[in-house]
N, C-alpha and C. Protein backbone atom coordinates (compact mmCIF):
# COMPACT_ATOMS: atom_id res chain seq x y z
N MET A 1 -23.13 -15.30 1.51
CA MET A 1 -21.96 -16.02 1.08
C MET A 1 -21.30 -16.53 1.66
N GLY A 2 -21.20 -16.53 2.99
CA GLY A 2 -20.60 -17.44 4.02
C GLY A 2 -21.36 -18.64 4.54
N LEU A 3 -22.50 -18.74 4.50
CA LEU A 3 -23.50 -20.16 4.21
C LEU A 3 -23.32 -20.57 3.38
N SER A 4 -23.67 -19.67 1.91
CA SER A 4 -23.43 -20.76 0.77
C SER A 4 -21.81 -21.36 0.88
N SER A 5 -20.54 -20.51 1.31
CA SER A 5 -19.42 -21.75 1.44
C SER A 5 -19.42 -22.84 2.17
N LEU A 6 -19.82 -22.92 3.29
CA LEU A 6 -20.38 -23.56 4.37
C LEU A 6 -21.16 -25.26 3.80
N ILE A 7 -22.20 -24.53 2.68
CA ILE A 7 -22.93 -25.59 2.20
C ILE A 7 -22.35 -26.17 1.09
N LEU A 8 -21.79 -25.21 0.50
CA LEU A 8 -20.76 -25.92 -0.71
C LEU A 8 -19.60 -27.10 -0.26
N ALA A 9 -19.43 -26.92 0.99
CA ALA A 9 -18.32 -27.64 2.00
C ALA A 9 -18.91 -28.84 2.51
N GLY A 10 -20.10 -28.84 2.46
CA GLY A 10 -20.82 -30.24 2.83
C GLY A 10 -21.28 -30.66 2.26
N LEU A 11 -21.65 -30.19 0.99
CA LEU A 11 -21.97 -30.80 -0.64
C LEU A 11 -20.90 -31.57 -1.72
N GLY A 12 -19.57 -30.97 -0.96
CA GLY A 12 -18.33 -31.10 -1.45
C GLY A 12 -17.72 -33.15 -0.27
N ILE A 13 -17.99 -32.81 0.28
CA ILE A 13 -17.76 -34.08 1.22
C ILE A 13 -19.05 -34.82 0.96
N VAL A 14 -19.92 -34.59 0.61
CA VAL A 14 -20.75 -35.63 0.39
C VAL A 14 -20.39 -35.89 -0.86
N ALA A 15 -20.20 -35.40 -2.48
CA ALA A 15 -19.15 -35.80 -3.33
C ALA A 15 -18.49 -36.57 -2.78
N VAL A 16 -17.53 -36.65 -2.10
CA VAL A 16 -16.17 -36.78 -2.11
C VAL A 16 -16.61 -38.54 -1.47
N MET A 17 -17.59 -38.60 -0.69
CA MET A 17 -17.75 -39.91 -0.22
C MET A 17 -18.21 -41.13 -1.40
N PHE A 18 -19.09 -40.46 -2.40
CA PHE A 18 -19.81 -40.88 -3.32
C PHE A 18 -18.92 -41.09 -4.12
N HIS A 19 -17.16 -40.30 -4.29
CA HIS A 19 -16.10 -40.47 -5.35
C HIS A 19 -15.53 -41.82 -4.59
N TYR A 20 -15.04 -41.46 -3.39
CA TYR A 20 -14.90 -43.31 -2.98
C TYR A 20 -15.61 -44.27 -2.57
N VAL A 21 -16.80 -44.30 -3.32
CA VAL A 21 -17.51 -45.58 -3.35
C VAL A 21 -17.65 -46.24 -4.56
N THR A 22 -17.55 -45.04 -5.43
CA THR A 22 -17.88 -45.38 -7.10
C THR A 22 -16.48 -45.52 -8.05
N HIS A 23 -15.50 -44.19 -7.11
CA HIS A 23 -13.79 -44.43 -8.54
C HIS A 23 -14.35 -43.89 -9.49
N SER A 24 -15.47 -42.89 -9.40
CA SER A 24 -15.89 -41.81 -10.46
C SER A 24 -15.65 -41.11 -10.80
N VAL A 25 -14.80 -40.64 -12.13
CA VAL A 25 -13.76 -39.47 -12.30
C VAL A 25 -14.77 -38.29 -12.66
N ILE A 26 -16.07 -38.86 -12.86
CA ILE A 26 -17.23 -37.69 -12.44
C ILE A 26 -17.33 -36.93 -11.35
N TRP A 27 -17.79 -37.86 -10.21
CA TRP A 27 -17.64 -37.45 -8.83
C TRP A 27 -16.53 -36.87 -8.61
N GLY A 28 -15.14 -37.37 -8.54
CA GLY A 28 -13.90 -36.95 -8.50
C GLY A 28 -14.01 -35.36 -9.10
N ILE A 29 -14.74 -34.91 -9.75
CA ILE A 29 -14.32 -33.71 -10.78
C ILE A 29 -15.49 -32.54 -9.60
N VAL A 30 -16.86 -33.72 -9.27
CA VAL A 30 -17.55 -33.05 -9.09
C VAL A 30 -16.91 -32.37 -7.71
N CYS A 31 -16.71 -32.82 -6.97
CA CYS A 31 -16.30 -32.79 -5.53
C CYS A 31 -15.17 -32.11 -5.58
N THR A 32 -14.04 -31.71 -6.30
CA THR A 32 -13.23 -30.85 -5.92
C THR A 32 -13.70 -29.71 -6.89
N LEU A 33 -15.21 -29.76 -7.47
CA LEU A 33 -15.31 -28.52 -8.17
C LEU A 33 -15.90 -27.91 -7.06
N LEU A 34 -16.84 -28.23 -5.81
CA LEU A 34 -17.43 -27.95 -4.83
C LEU A 34 -16.53 -27.22 -3.54
N LEU A 35 -15.39 -27.66 -3.88
CA LEU A 35 -14.53 -27.79 -2.38
C LEU A 35 -13.87 -26.27 -2.50
N VAL A 36 -13.07 -26.21 -4.35
CA VAL A 36 -12.74 -25.27 -4.60
C VAL A 36 -13.56 -23.99 -4.43
N THR A 37 -15.01 -24.18 -4.75
CA THR A 37 -15.56 -22.97 -4.97
C THR A 37 -15.91 -22.80 -3.03
N ALA A 38 -15.68 -23.13 -2.51
CA ALA A 38 -16.40 -22.94 -0.98
C ALA A 38 -15.03 -22.24 -0.56
N PHE A 39 -14.04 -23.29 -0.86
CA PHE A 39 -12.56 -22.28 -0.55
C PHE A 39 -12.84 -20.68 -0.13
N VAL A 40 -12.74 -20.48 -2.24
CA VAL A 40 -12.68 -19.20 -2.81
C VAL A 40 -14.00 -18.30 -1.98
N LEU A 41 -15.15 -19.33 -1.97
CA LEU A 41 -16.16 -18.49 -1.24
C LEU A 41 -16.37 -18.02 0.04
N GLY A 42 -15.64 -18.63 0.46
CA GLY A 42 -15.38 -18.33 1.99
C GLY A 42 -14.25 -17.41 1.87
N THR A 43 -12.84 -17.26 1.44
CA THR A 43 -11.76 -16.64 0.94
C THR A 43 -12.46 -15.00 1.10
N VAL A 44 -13.17 -15.16 0.18
CA VAL A 44 -13.81 -13.94 -0.27
C VAL A 44 -14.92 -13.12 0.63
N GLU A 45 -15.82 -13.92 0.91
CA GLU A 45 -16.34 -13.00 2.51
C GLU A 45 -15.44 -12.60 3.47
N MET A 46 -14.79 -13.90 4.16
CA MET A 46 -13.67 -13.36 4.87
C MET A 46 -12.81 -11.84 4.61
N LYS A 47 -12.70 -11.81 3.11
CA LYS A 47 -12.13 -10.42 2.87
C LYS A 47 -12.61 -9.22 3.02
N ARG A 48 -14.13 -9.66 2.47
CA ARG A 48 -14.62 -8.60 2.16
C ARG A 48 -15.33 -7.65 3.91
N LYS A 49 -15.42 -9.04 5.04
CA LYS A 49 -16.04 -8.83 5.99
C LYS A 49 -14.32 -7.55 6.50
N GLU A 50 -13.58 -8.40 6.37
CA GLU A 50 -12.18 -7.42 7.31
C GLU A 50 -12.37 -6.22 6.50
N LYS A 51 -12.64 -5.99 5.38
CA LYS A 51 -12.58 -4.46 4.81
C LYS A 51 -13.61 -3.83 5.58
N GLN A 52 -14.62 -4.26 5.79
CA GLN A 52 -15.44 -3.88 6.60
C GLN A 52 -15.24 -3.21 7.80
N GLY A 53 -14.60 -4.25 8.36
CA GLY A 53 -14.33 -4.21 9.67
C GLY A 53 -15.16 -4.50 11.12
N ASP A 54 -16.08 -5.70 10.45
CA ASP A 54 -16.51 -6.81 11.55
C ASP A 54 -16.29 -7.79 11.36
N PHE A 55 -15.22 -8.10 10.85
CA PHE A 55 -14.38 -9.81 11.10
C PHE A 55 -14.41 -10.27 12.06
N VAL A 56 -15.06 -11.14 12.69
CA VAL A 56 -14.88 -11.79 14.30
C VAL A 56 -14.37 -13.34 14.05
N SER A 57 -13.86 -13.40 14.33
CA SER A 57 -13.30 -15.38 14.17
C SER A 57 -13.53 -15.91 15.49
N ASN A 58 -14.86 -16.53 15.23
CA ASN A 58 -15.68 -17.33 16.43
C ASN A 58 -16.02 -18.10 15.61
N MET A 59 -16.73 -19.13 16.46
CA MET A 59 -17.24 -20.65 16.27
C MET A 59 -18.60 -20.25 14.66
N TYR A 60 -18.96 -19.49 15.11
CA TYR A 60 -20.10 -19.41 14.66
C TYR A 60 -20.10 -18.51 12.75
N ASN A 61 -18.83 -18.33 12.51
CA ASN A 61 -18.35 -17.40 11.68
C ASN A 61 -18.81 -18.58 10.16
N PHE A 62 -19.73 -18.35 9.38
CA PHE A 62 -19.87 -19.04 8.43
C PHE A 62 -18.40 -19.59 7.57
N ALA A 63 -18.09 -18.47 6.87
CA ALA A 63 -17.14 -18.57 5.91
C ALA A 63 -15.59 -18.80 6.52
N MET A 64 -15.59 -18.78 7.40
CA MET A 64 -14.75 -19.12 8.05
C MET A 64 -14.53 -20.72 7.90
N LEU A 65 -16.10 -21.48 8.57
CA LEU A 65 -16.02 -22.85 8.64
C LEU A 65 -16.10 -23.17 7.52
N GLY A 66 -16.33 -23.13 6.36
CA GLY A 66 -16.49 -23.55 5.04
C GLY A 66 -15.41 -23.42 4.55
N HIS A 67 -14.20 -22.02 4.61
CA HIS A 67 -13.06 -21.89 4.25
C HIS A 67 -12.04 -23.35 4.65
N GLY A 68 -12.17 -23.19 6.01
CA GLY A 68 -11.54 -24.58 6.77
C GLY A 68 -11.50 -25.72 6.57
N THR A 69 -13.14 -26.01 6.36
CA THR A 69 -13.57 -27.06 6.31
C THR A 69 -13.67 -27.83 4.68
N SER A 70 -13.31 -27.06 3.61
CA SER A 70 -13.22 -26.99 1.90
C SER A 70 -11.39 -27.27 2.21
N GLY A 71 -10.93 -26.39 2.93
CA GLY A 71 -9.06 -26.68 2.50
C GLY A 71 -8.64 -27.69 3.12
N VAL A 72 -9.48 -28.08 4.49
CA VAL A 72 -8.46 -29.57 4.84
C VAL A 72 -9.30 -30.60 3.99
N VAL A 73 -10.32 -31.17 3.41
CA VAL A 73 -10.59 -32.00 3.18
C VAL A 73 -9.78 -32.11 1.79
N THR A 74 -9.81 -31.12 0.74
CA THR A 74 -9.58 -30.74 -0.51
C THR A 74 -7.90 -31.33 0.06
N VAL A 75 -7.05 -31.04 1.06
CA VAL A 75 -5.58 -31.36 1.25
C VAL A 75 -5.67 -33.15 1.09
N VAL A 76 -6.43 -33.49 2.20
CA VAL A 76 -6.82 -34.79 2.60
C VAL A 76 -6.82 -35.46 1.54
N CYS A 77 -7.71 -35.13 1.19
CA CYS A 77 -8.35 -36.47 0.15
C CYS A 77 -8.02 -35.89 -1.56
N GLY A 78 -6.73 -35.25 -1.40
CA GLY A 78 -5.87 -34.95 -2.66
C GLY A 78 -4.65 -36.27 -2.08
N ILE A 79 -3.97 -36.06 -0.97
CA ILE A 79 -3.29 -36.99 -0.53
C ILE A 79 -3.76 -38.42 -0.90
N MET A 80 -4.82 -38.48 -0.27
CA MET A 80 -5.19 -40.18 -0.48
C MET A 80 -5.26 -40.41 -2.20
N CYS A 81 -5.84 -39.45 -2.37
CA CYS A 81 -6.20 -39.74 -4.25
C CYS A 81 -4.48 -40.18 -4.51
N ILE A 82 -3.73 -39.22 -4.63
CA ILE A 82 -2.31 -39.84 -5.00
C ILE A 82 -1.57 -40.89 -4.51
N ILE A 83 -1.76 -41.31 -3.19
CA ILE A 83 -1.54 -42.53 -2.25
C ILE A 83 -2.19 -44.06 -3.24
N ALA A 84 -3.43 -43.80 -3.81
CA ALA A 84 -4.27 -45.05 -4.14
C ALA A 84 -3.92 -44.97 -5.38
N ASN A 85 -3.78 -44.11 -6.60
CA ASN A 85 -3.53 -43.95 -7.60
C ASN A 85 -1.94 -44.68 -7.75
N VAL A 86 -0.83 -43.90 -7.20
CA VAL A 86 0.64 -44.34 -6.73
C VAL A 86 0.48 -46.08 -6.54
N MET A 87 -0.03 -46.47 -5.62
CA MET A 87 -0.24 -47.78 -4.78
C MET A 87 -1.12 -48.88 -6.35
N HIS A 88 -2.25 -48.26 -6.81
CA HIS A 88 -3.00 -48.80 -7.69
C HIS A 88 -1.74 -49.46 -9.21
N LYS A 89 -1.25 -48.99 -9.69
CA LYS A 89 -0.22 -49.01 -10.80
C LYS A 89 1.28 -49.51 -10.28
């Protein structure tokens, strides 16, 4: 589940790029769904590993990388989207 979180975060970043190029609402929904799913999967995997006692926070923890990447990209892109929509109108 950790690797799938990281893969979904990567796909979400690619979808964000398509969204910014095309300004399509569909791409906006797709990137939001991918990033939120990656965030949730990373959280679930980290909680599961913590209960098992084998949670290690190092650079090779895919759940933590996917969780952190998707969280940061979601917040930054959300702020950029708000700014773009306020400045556009």
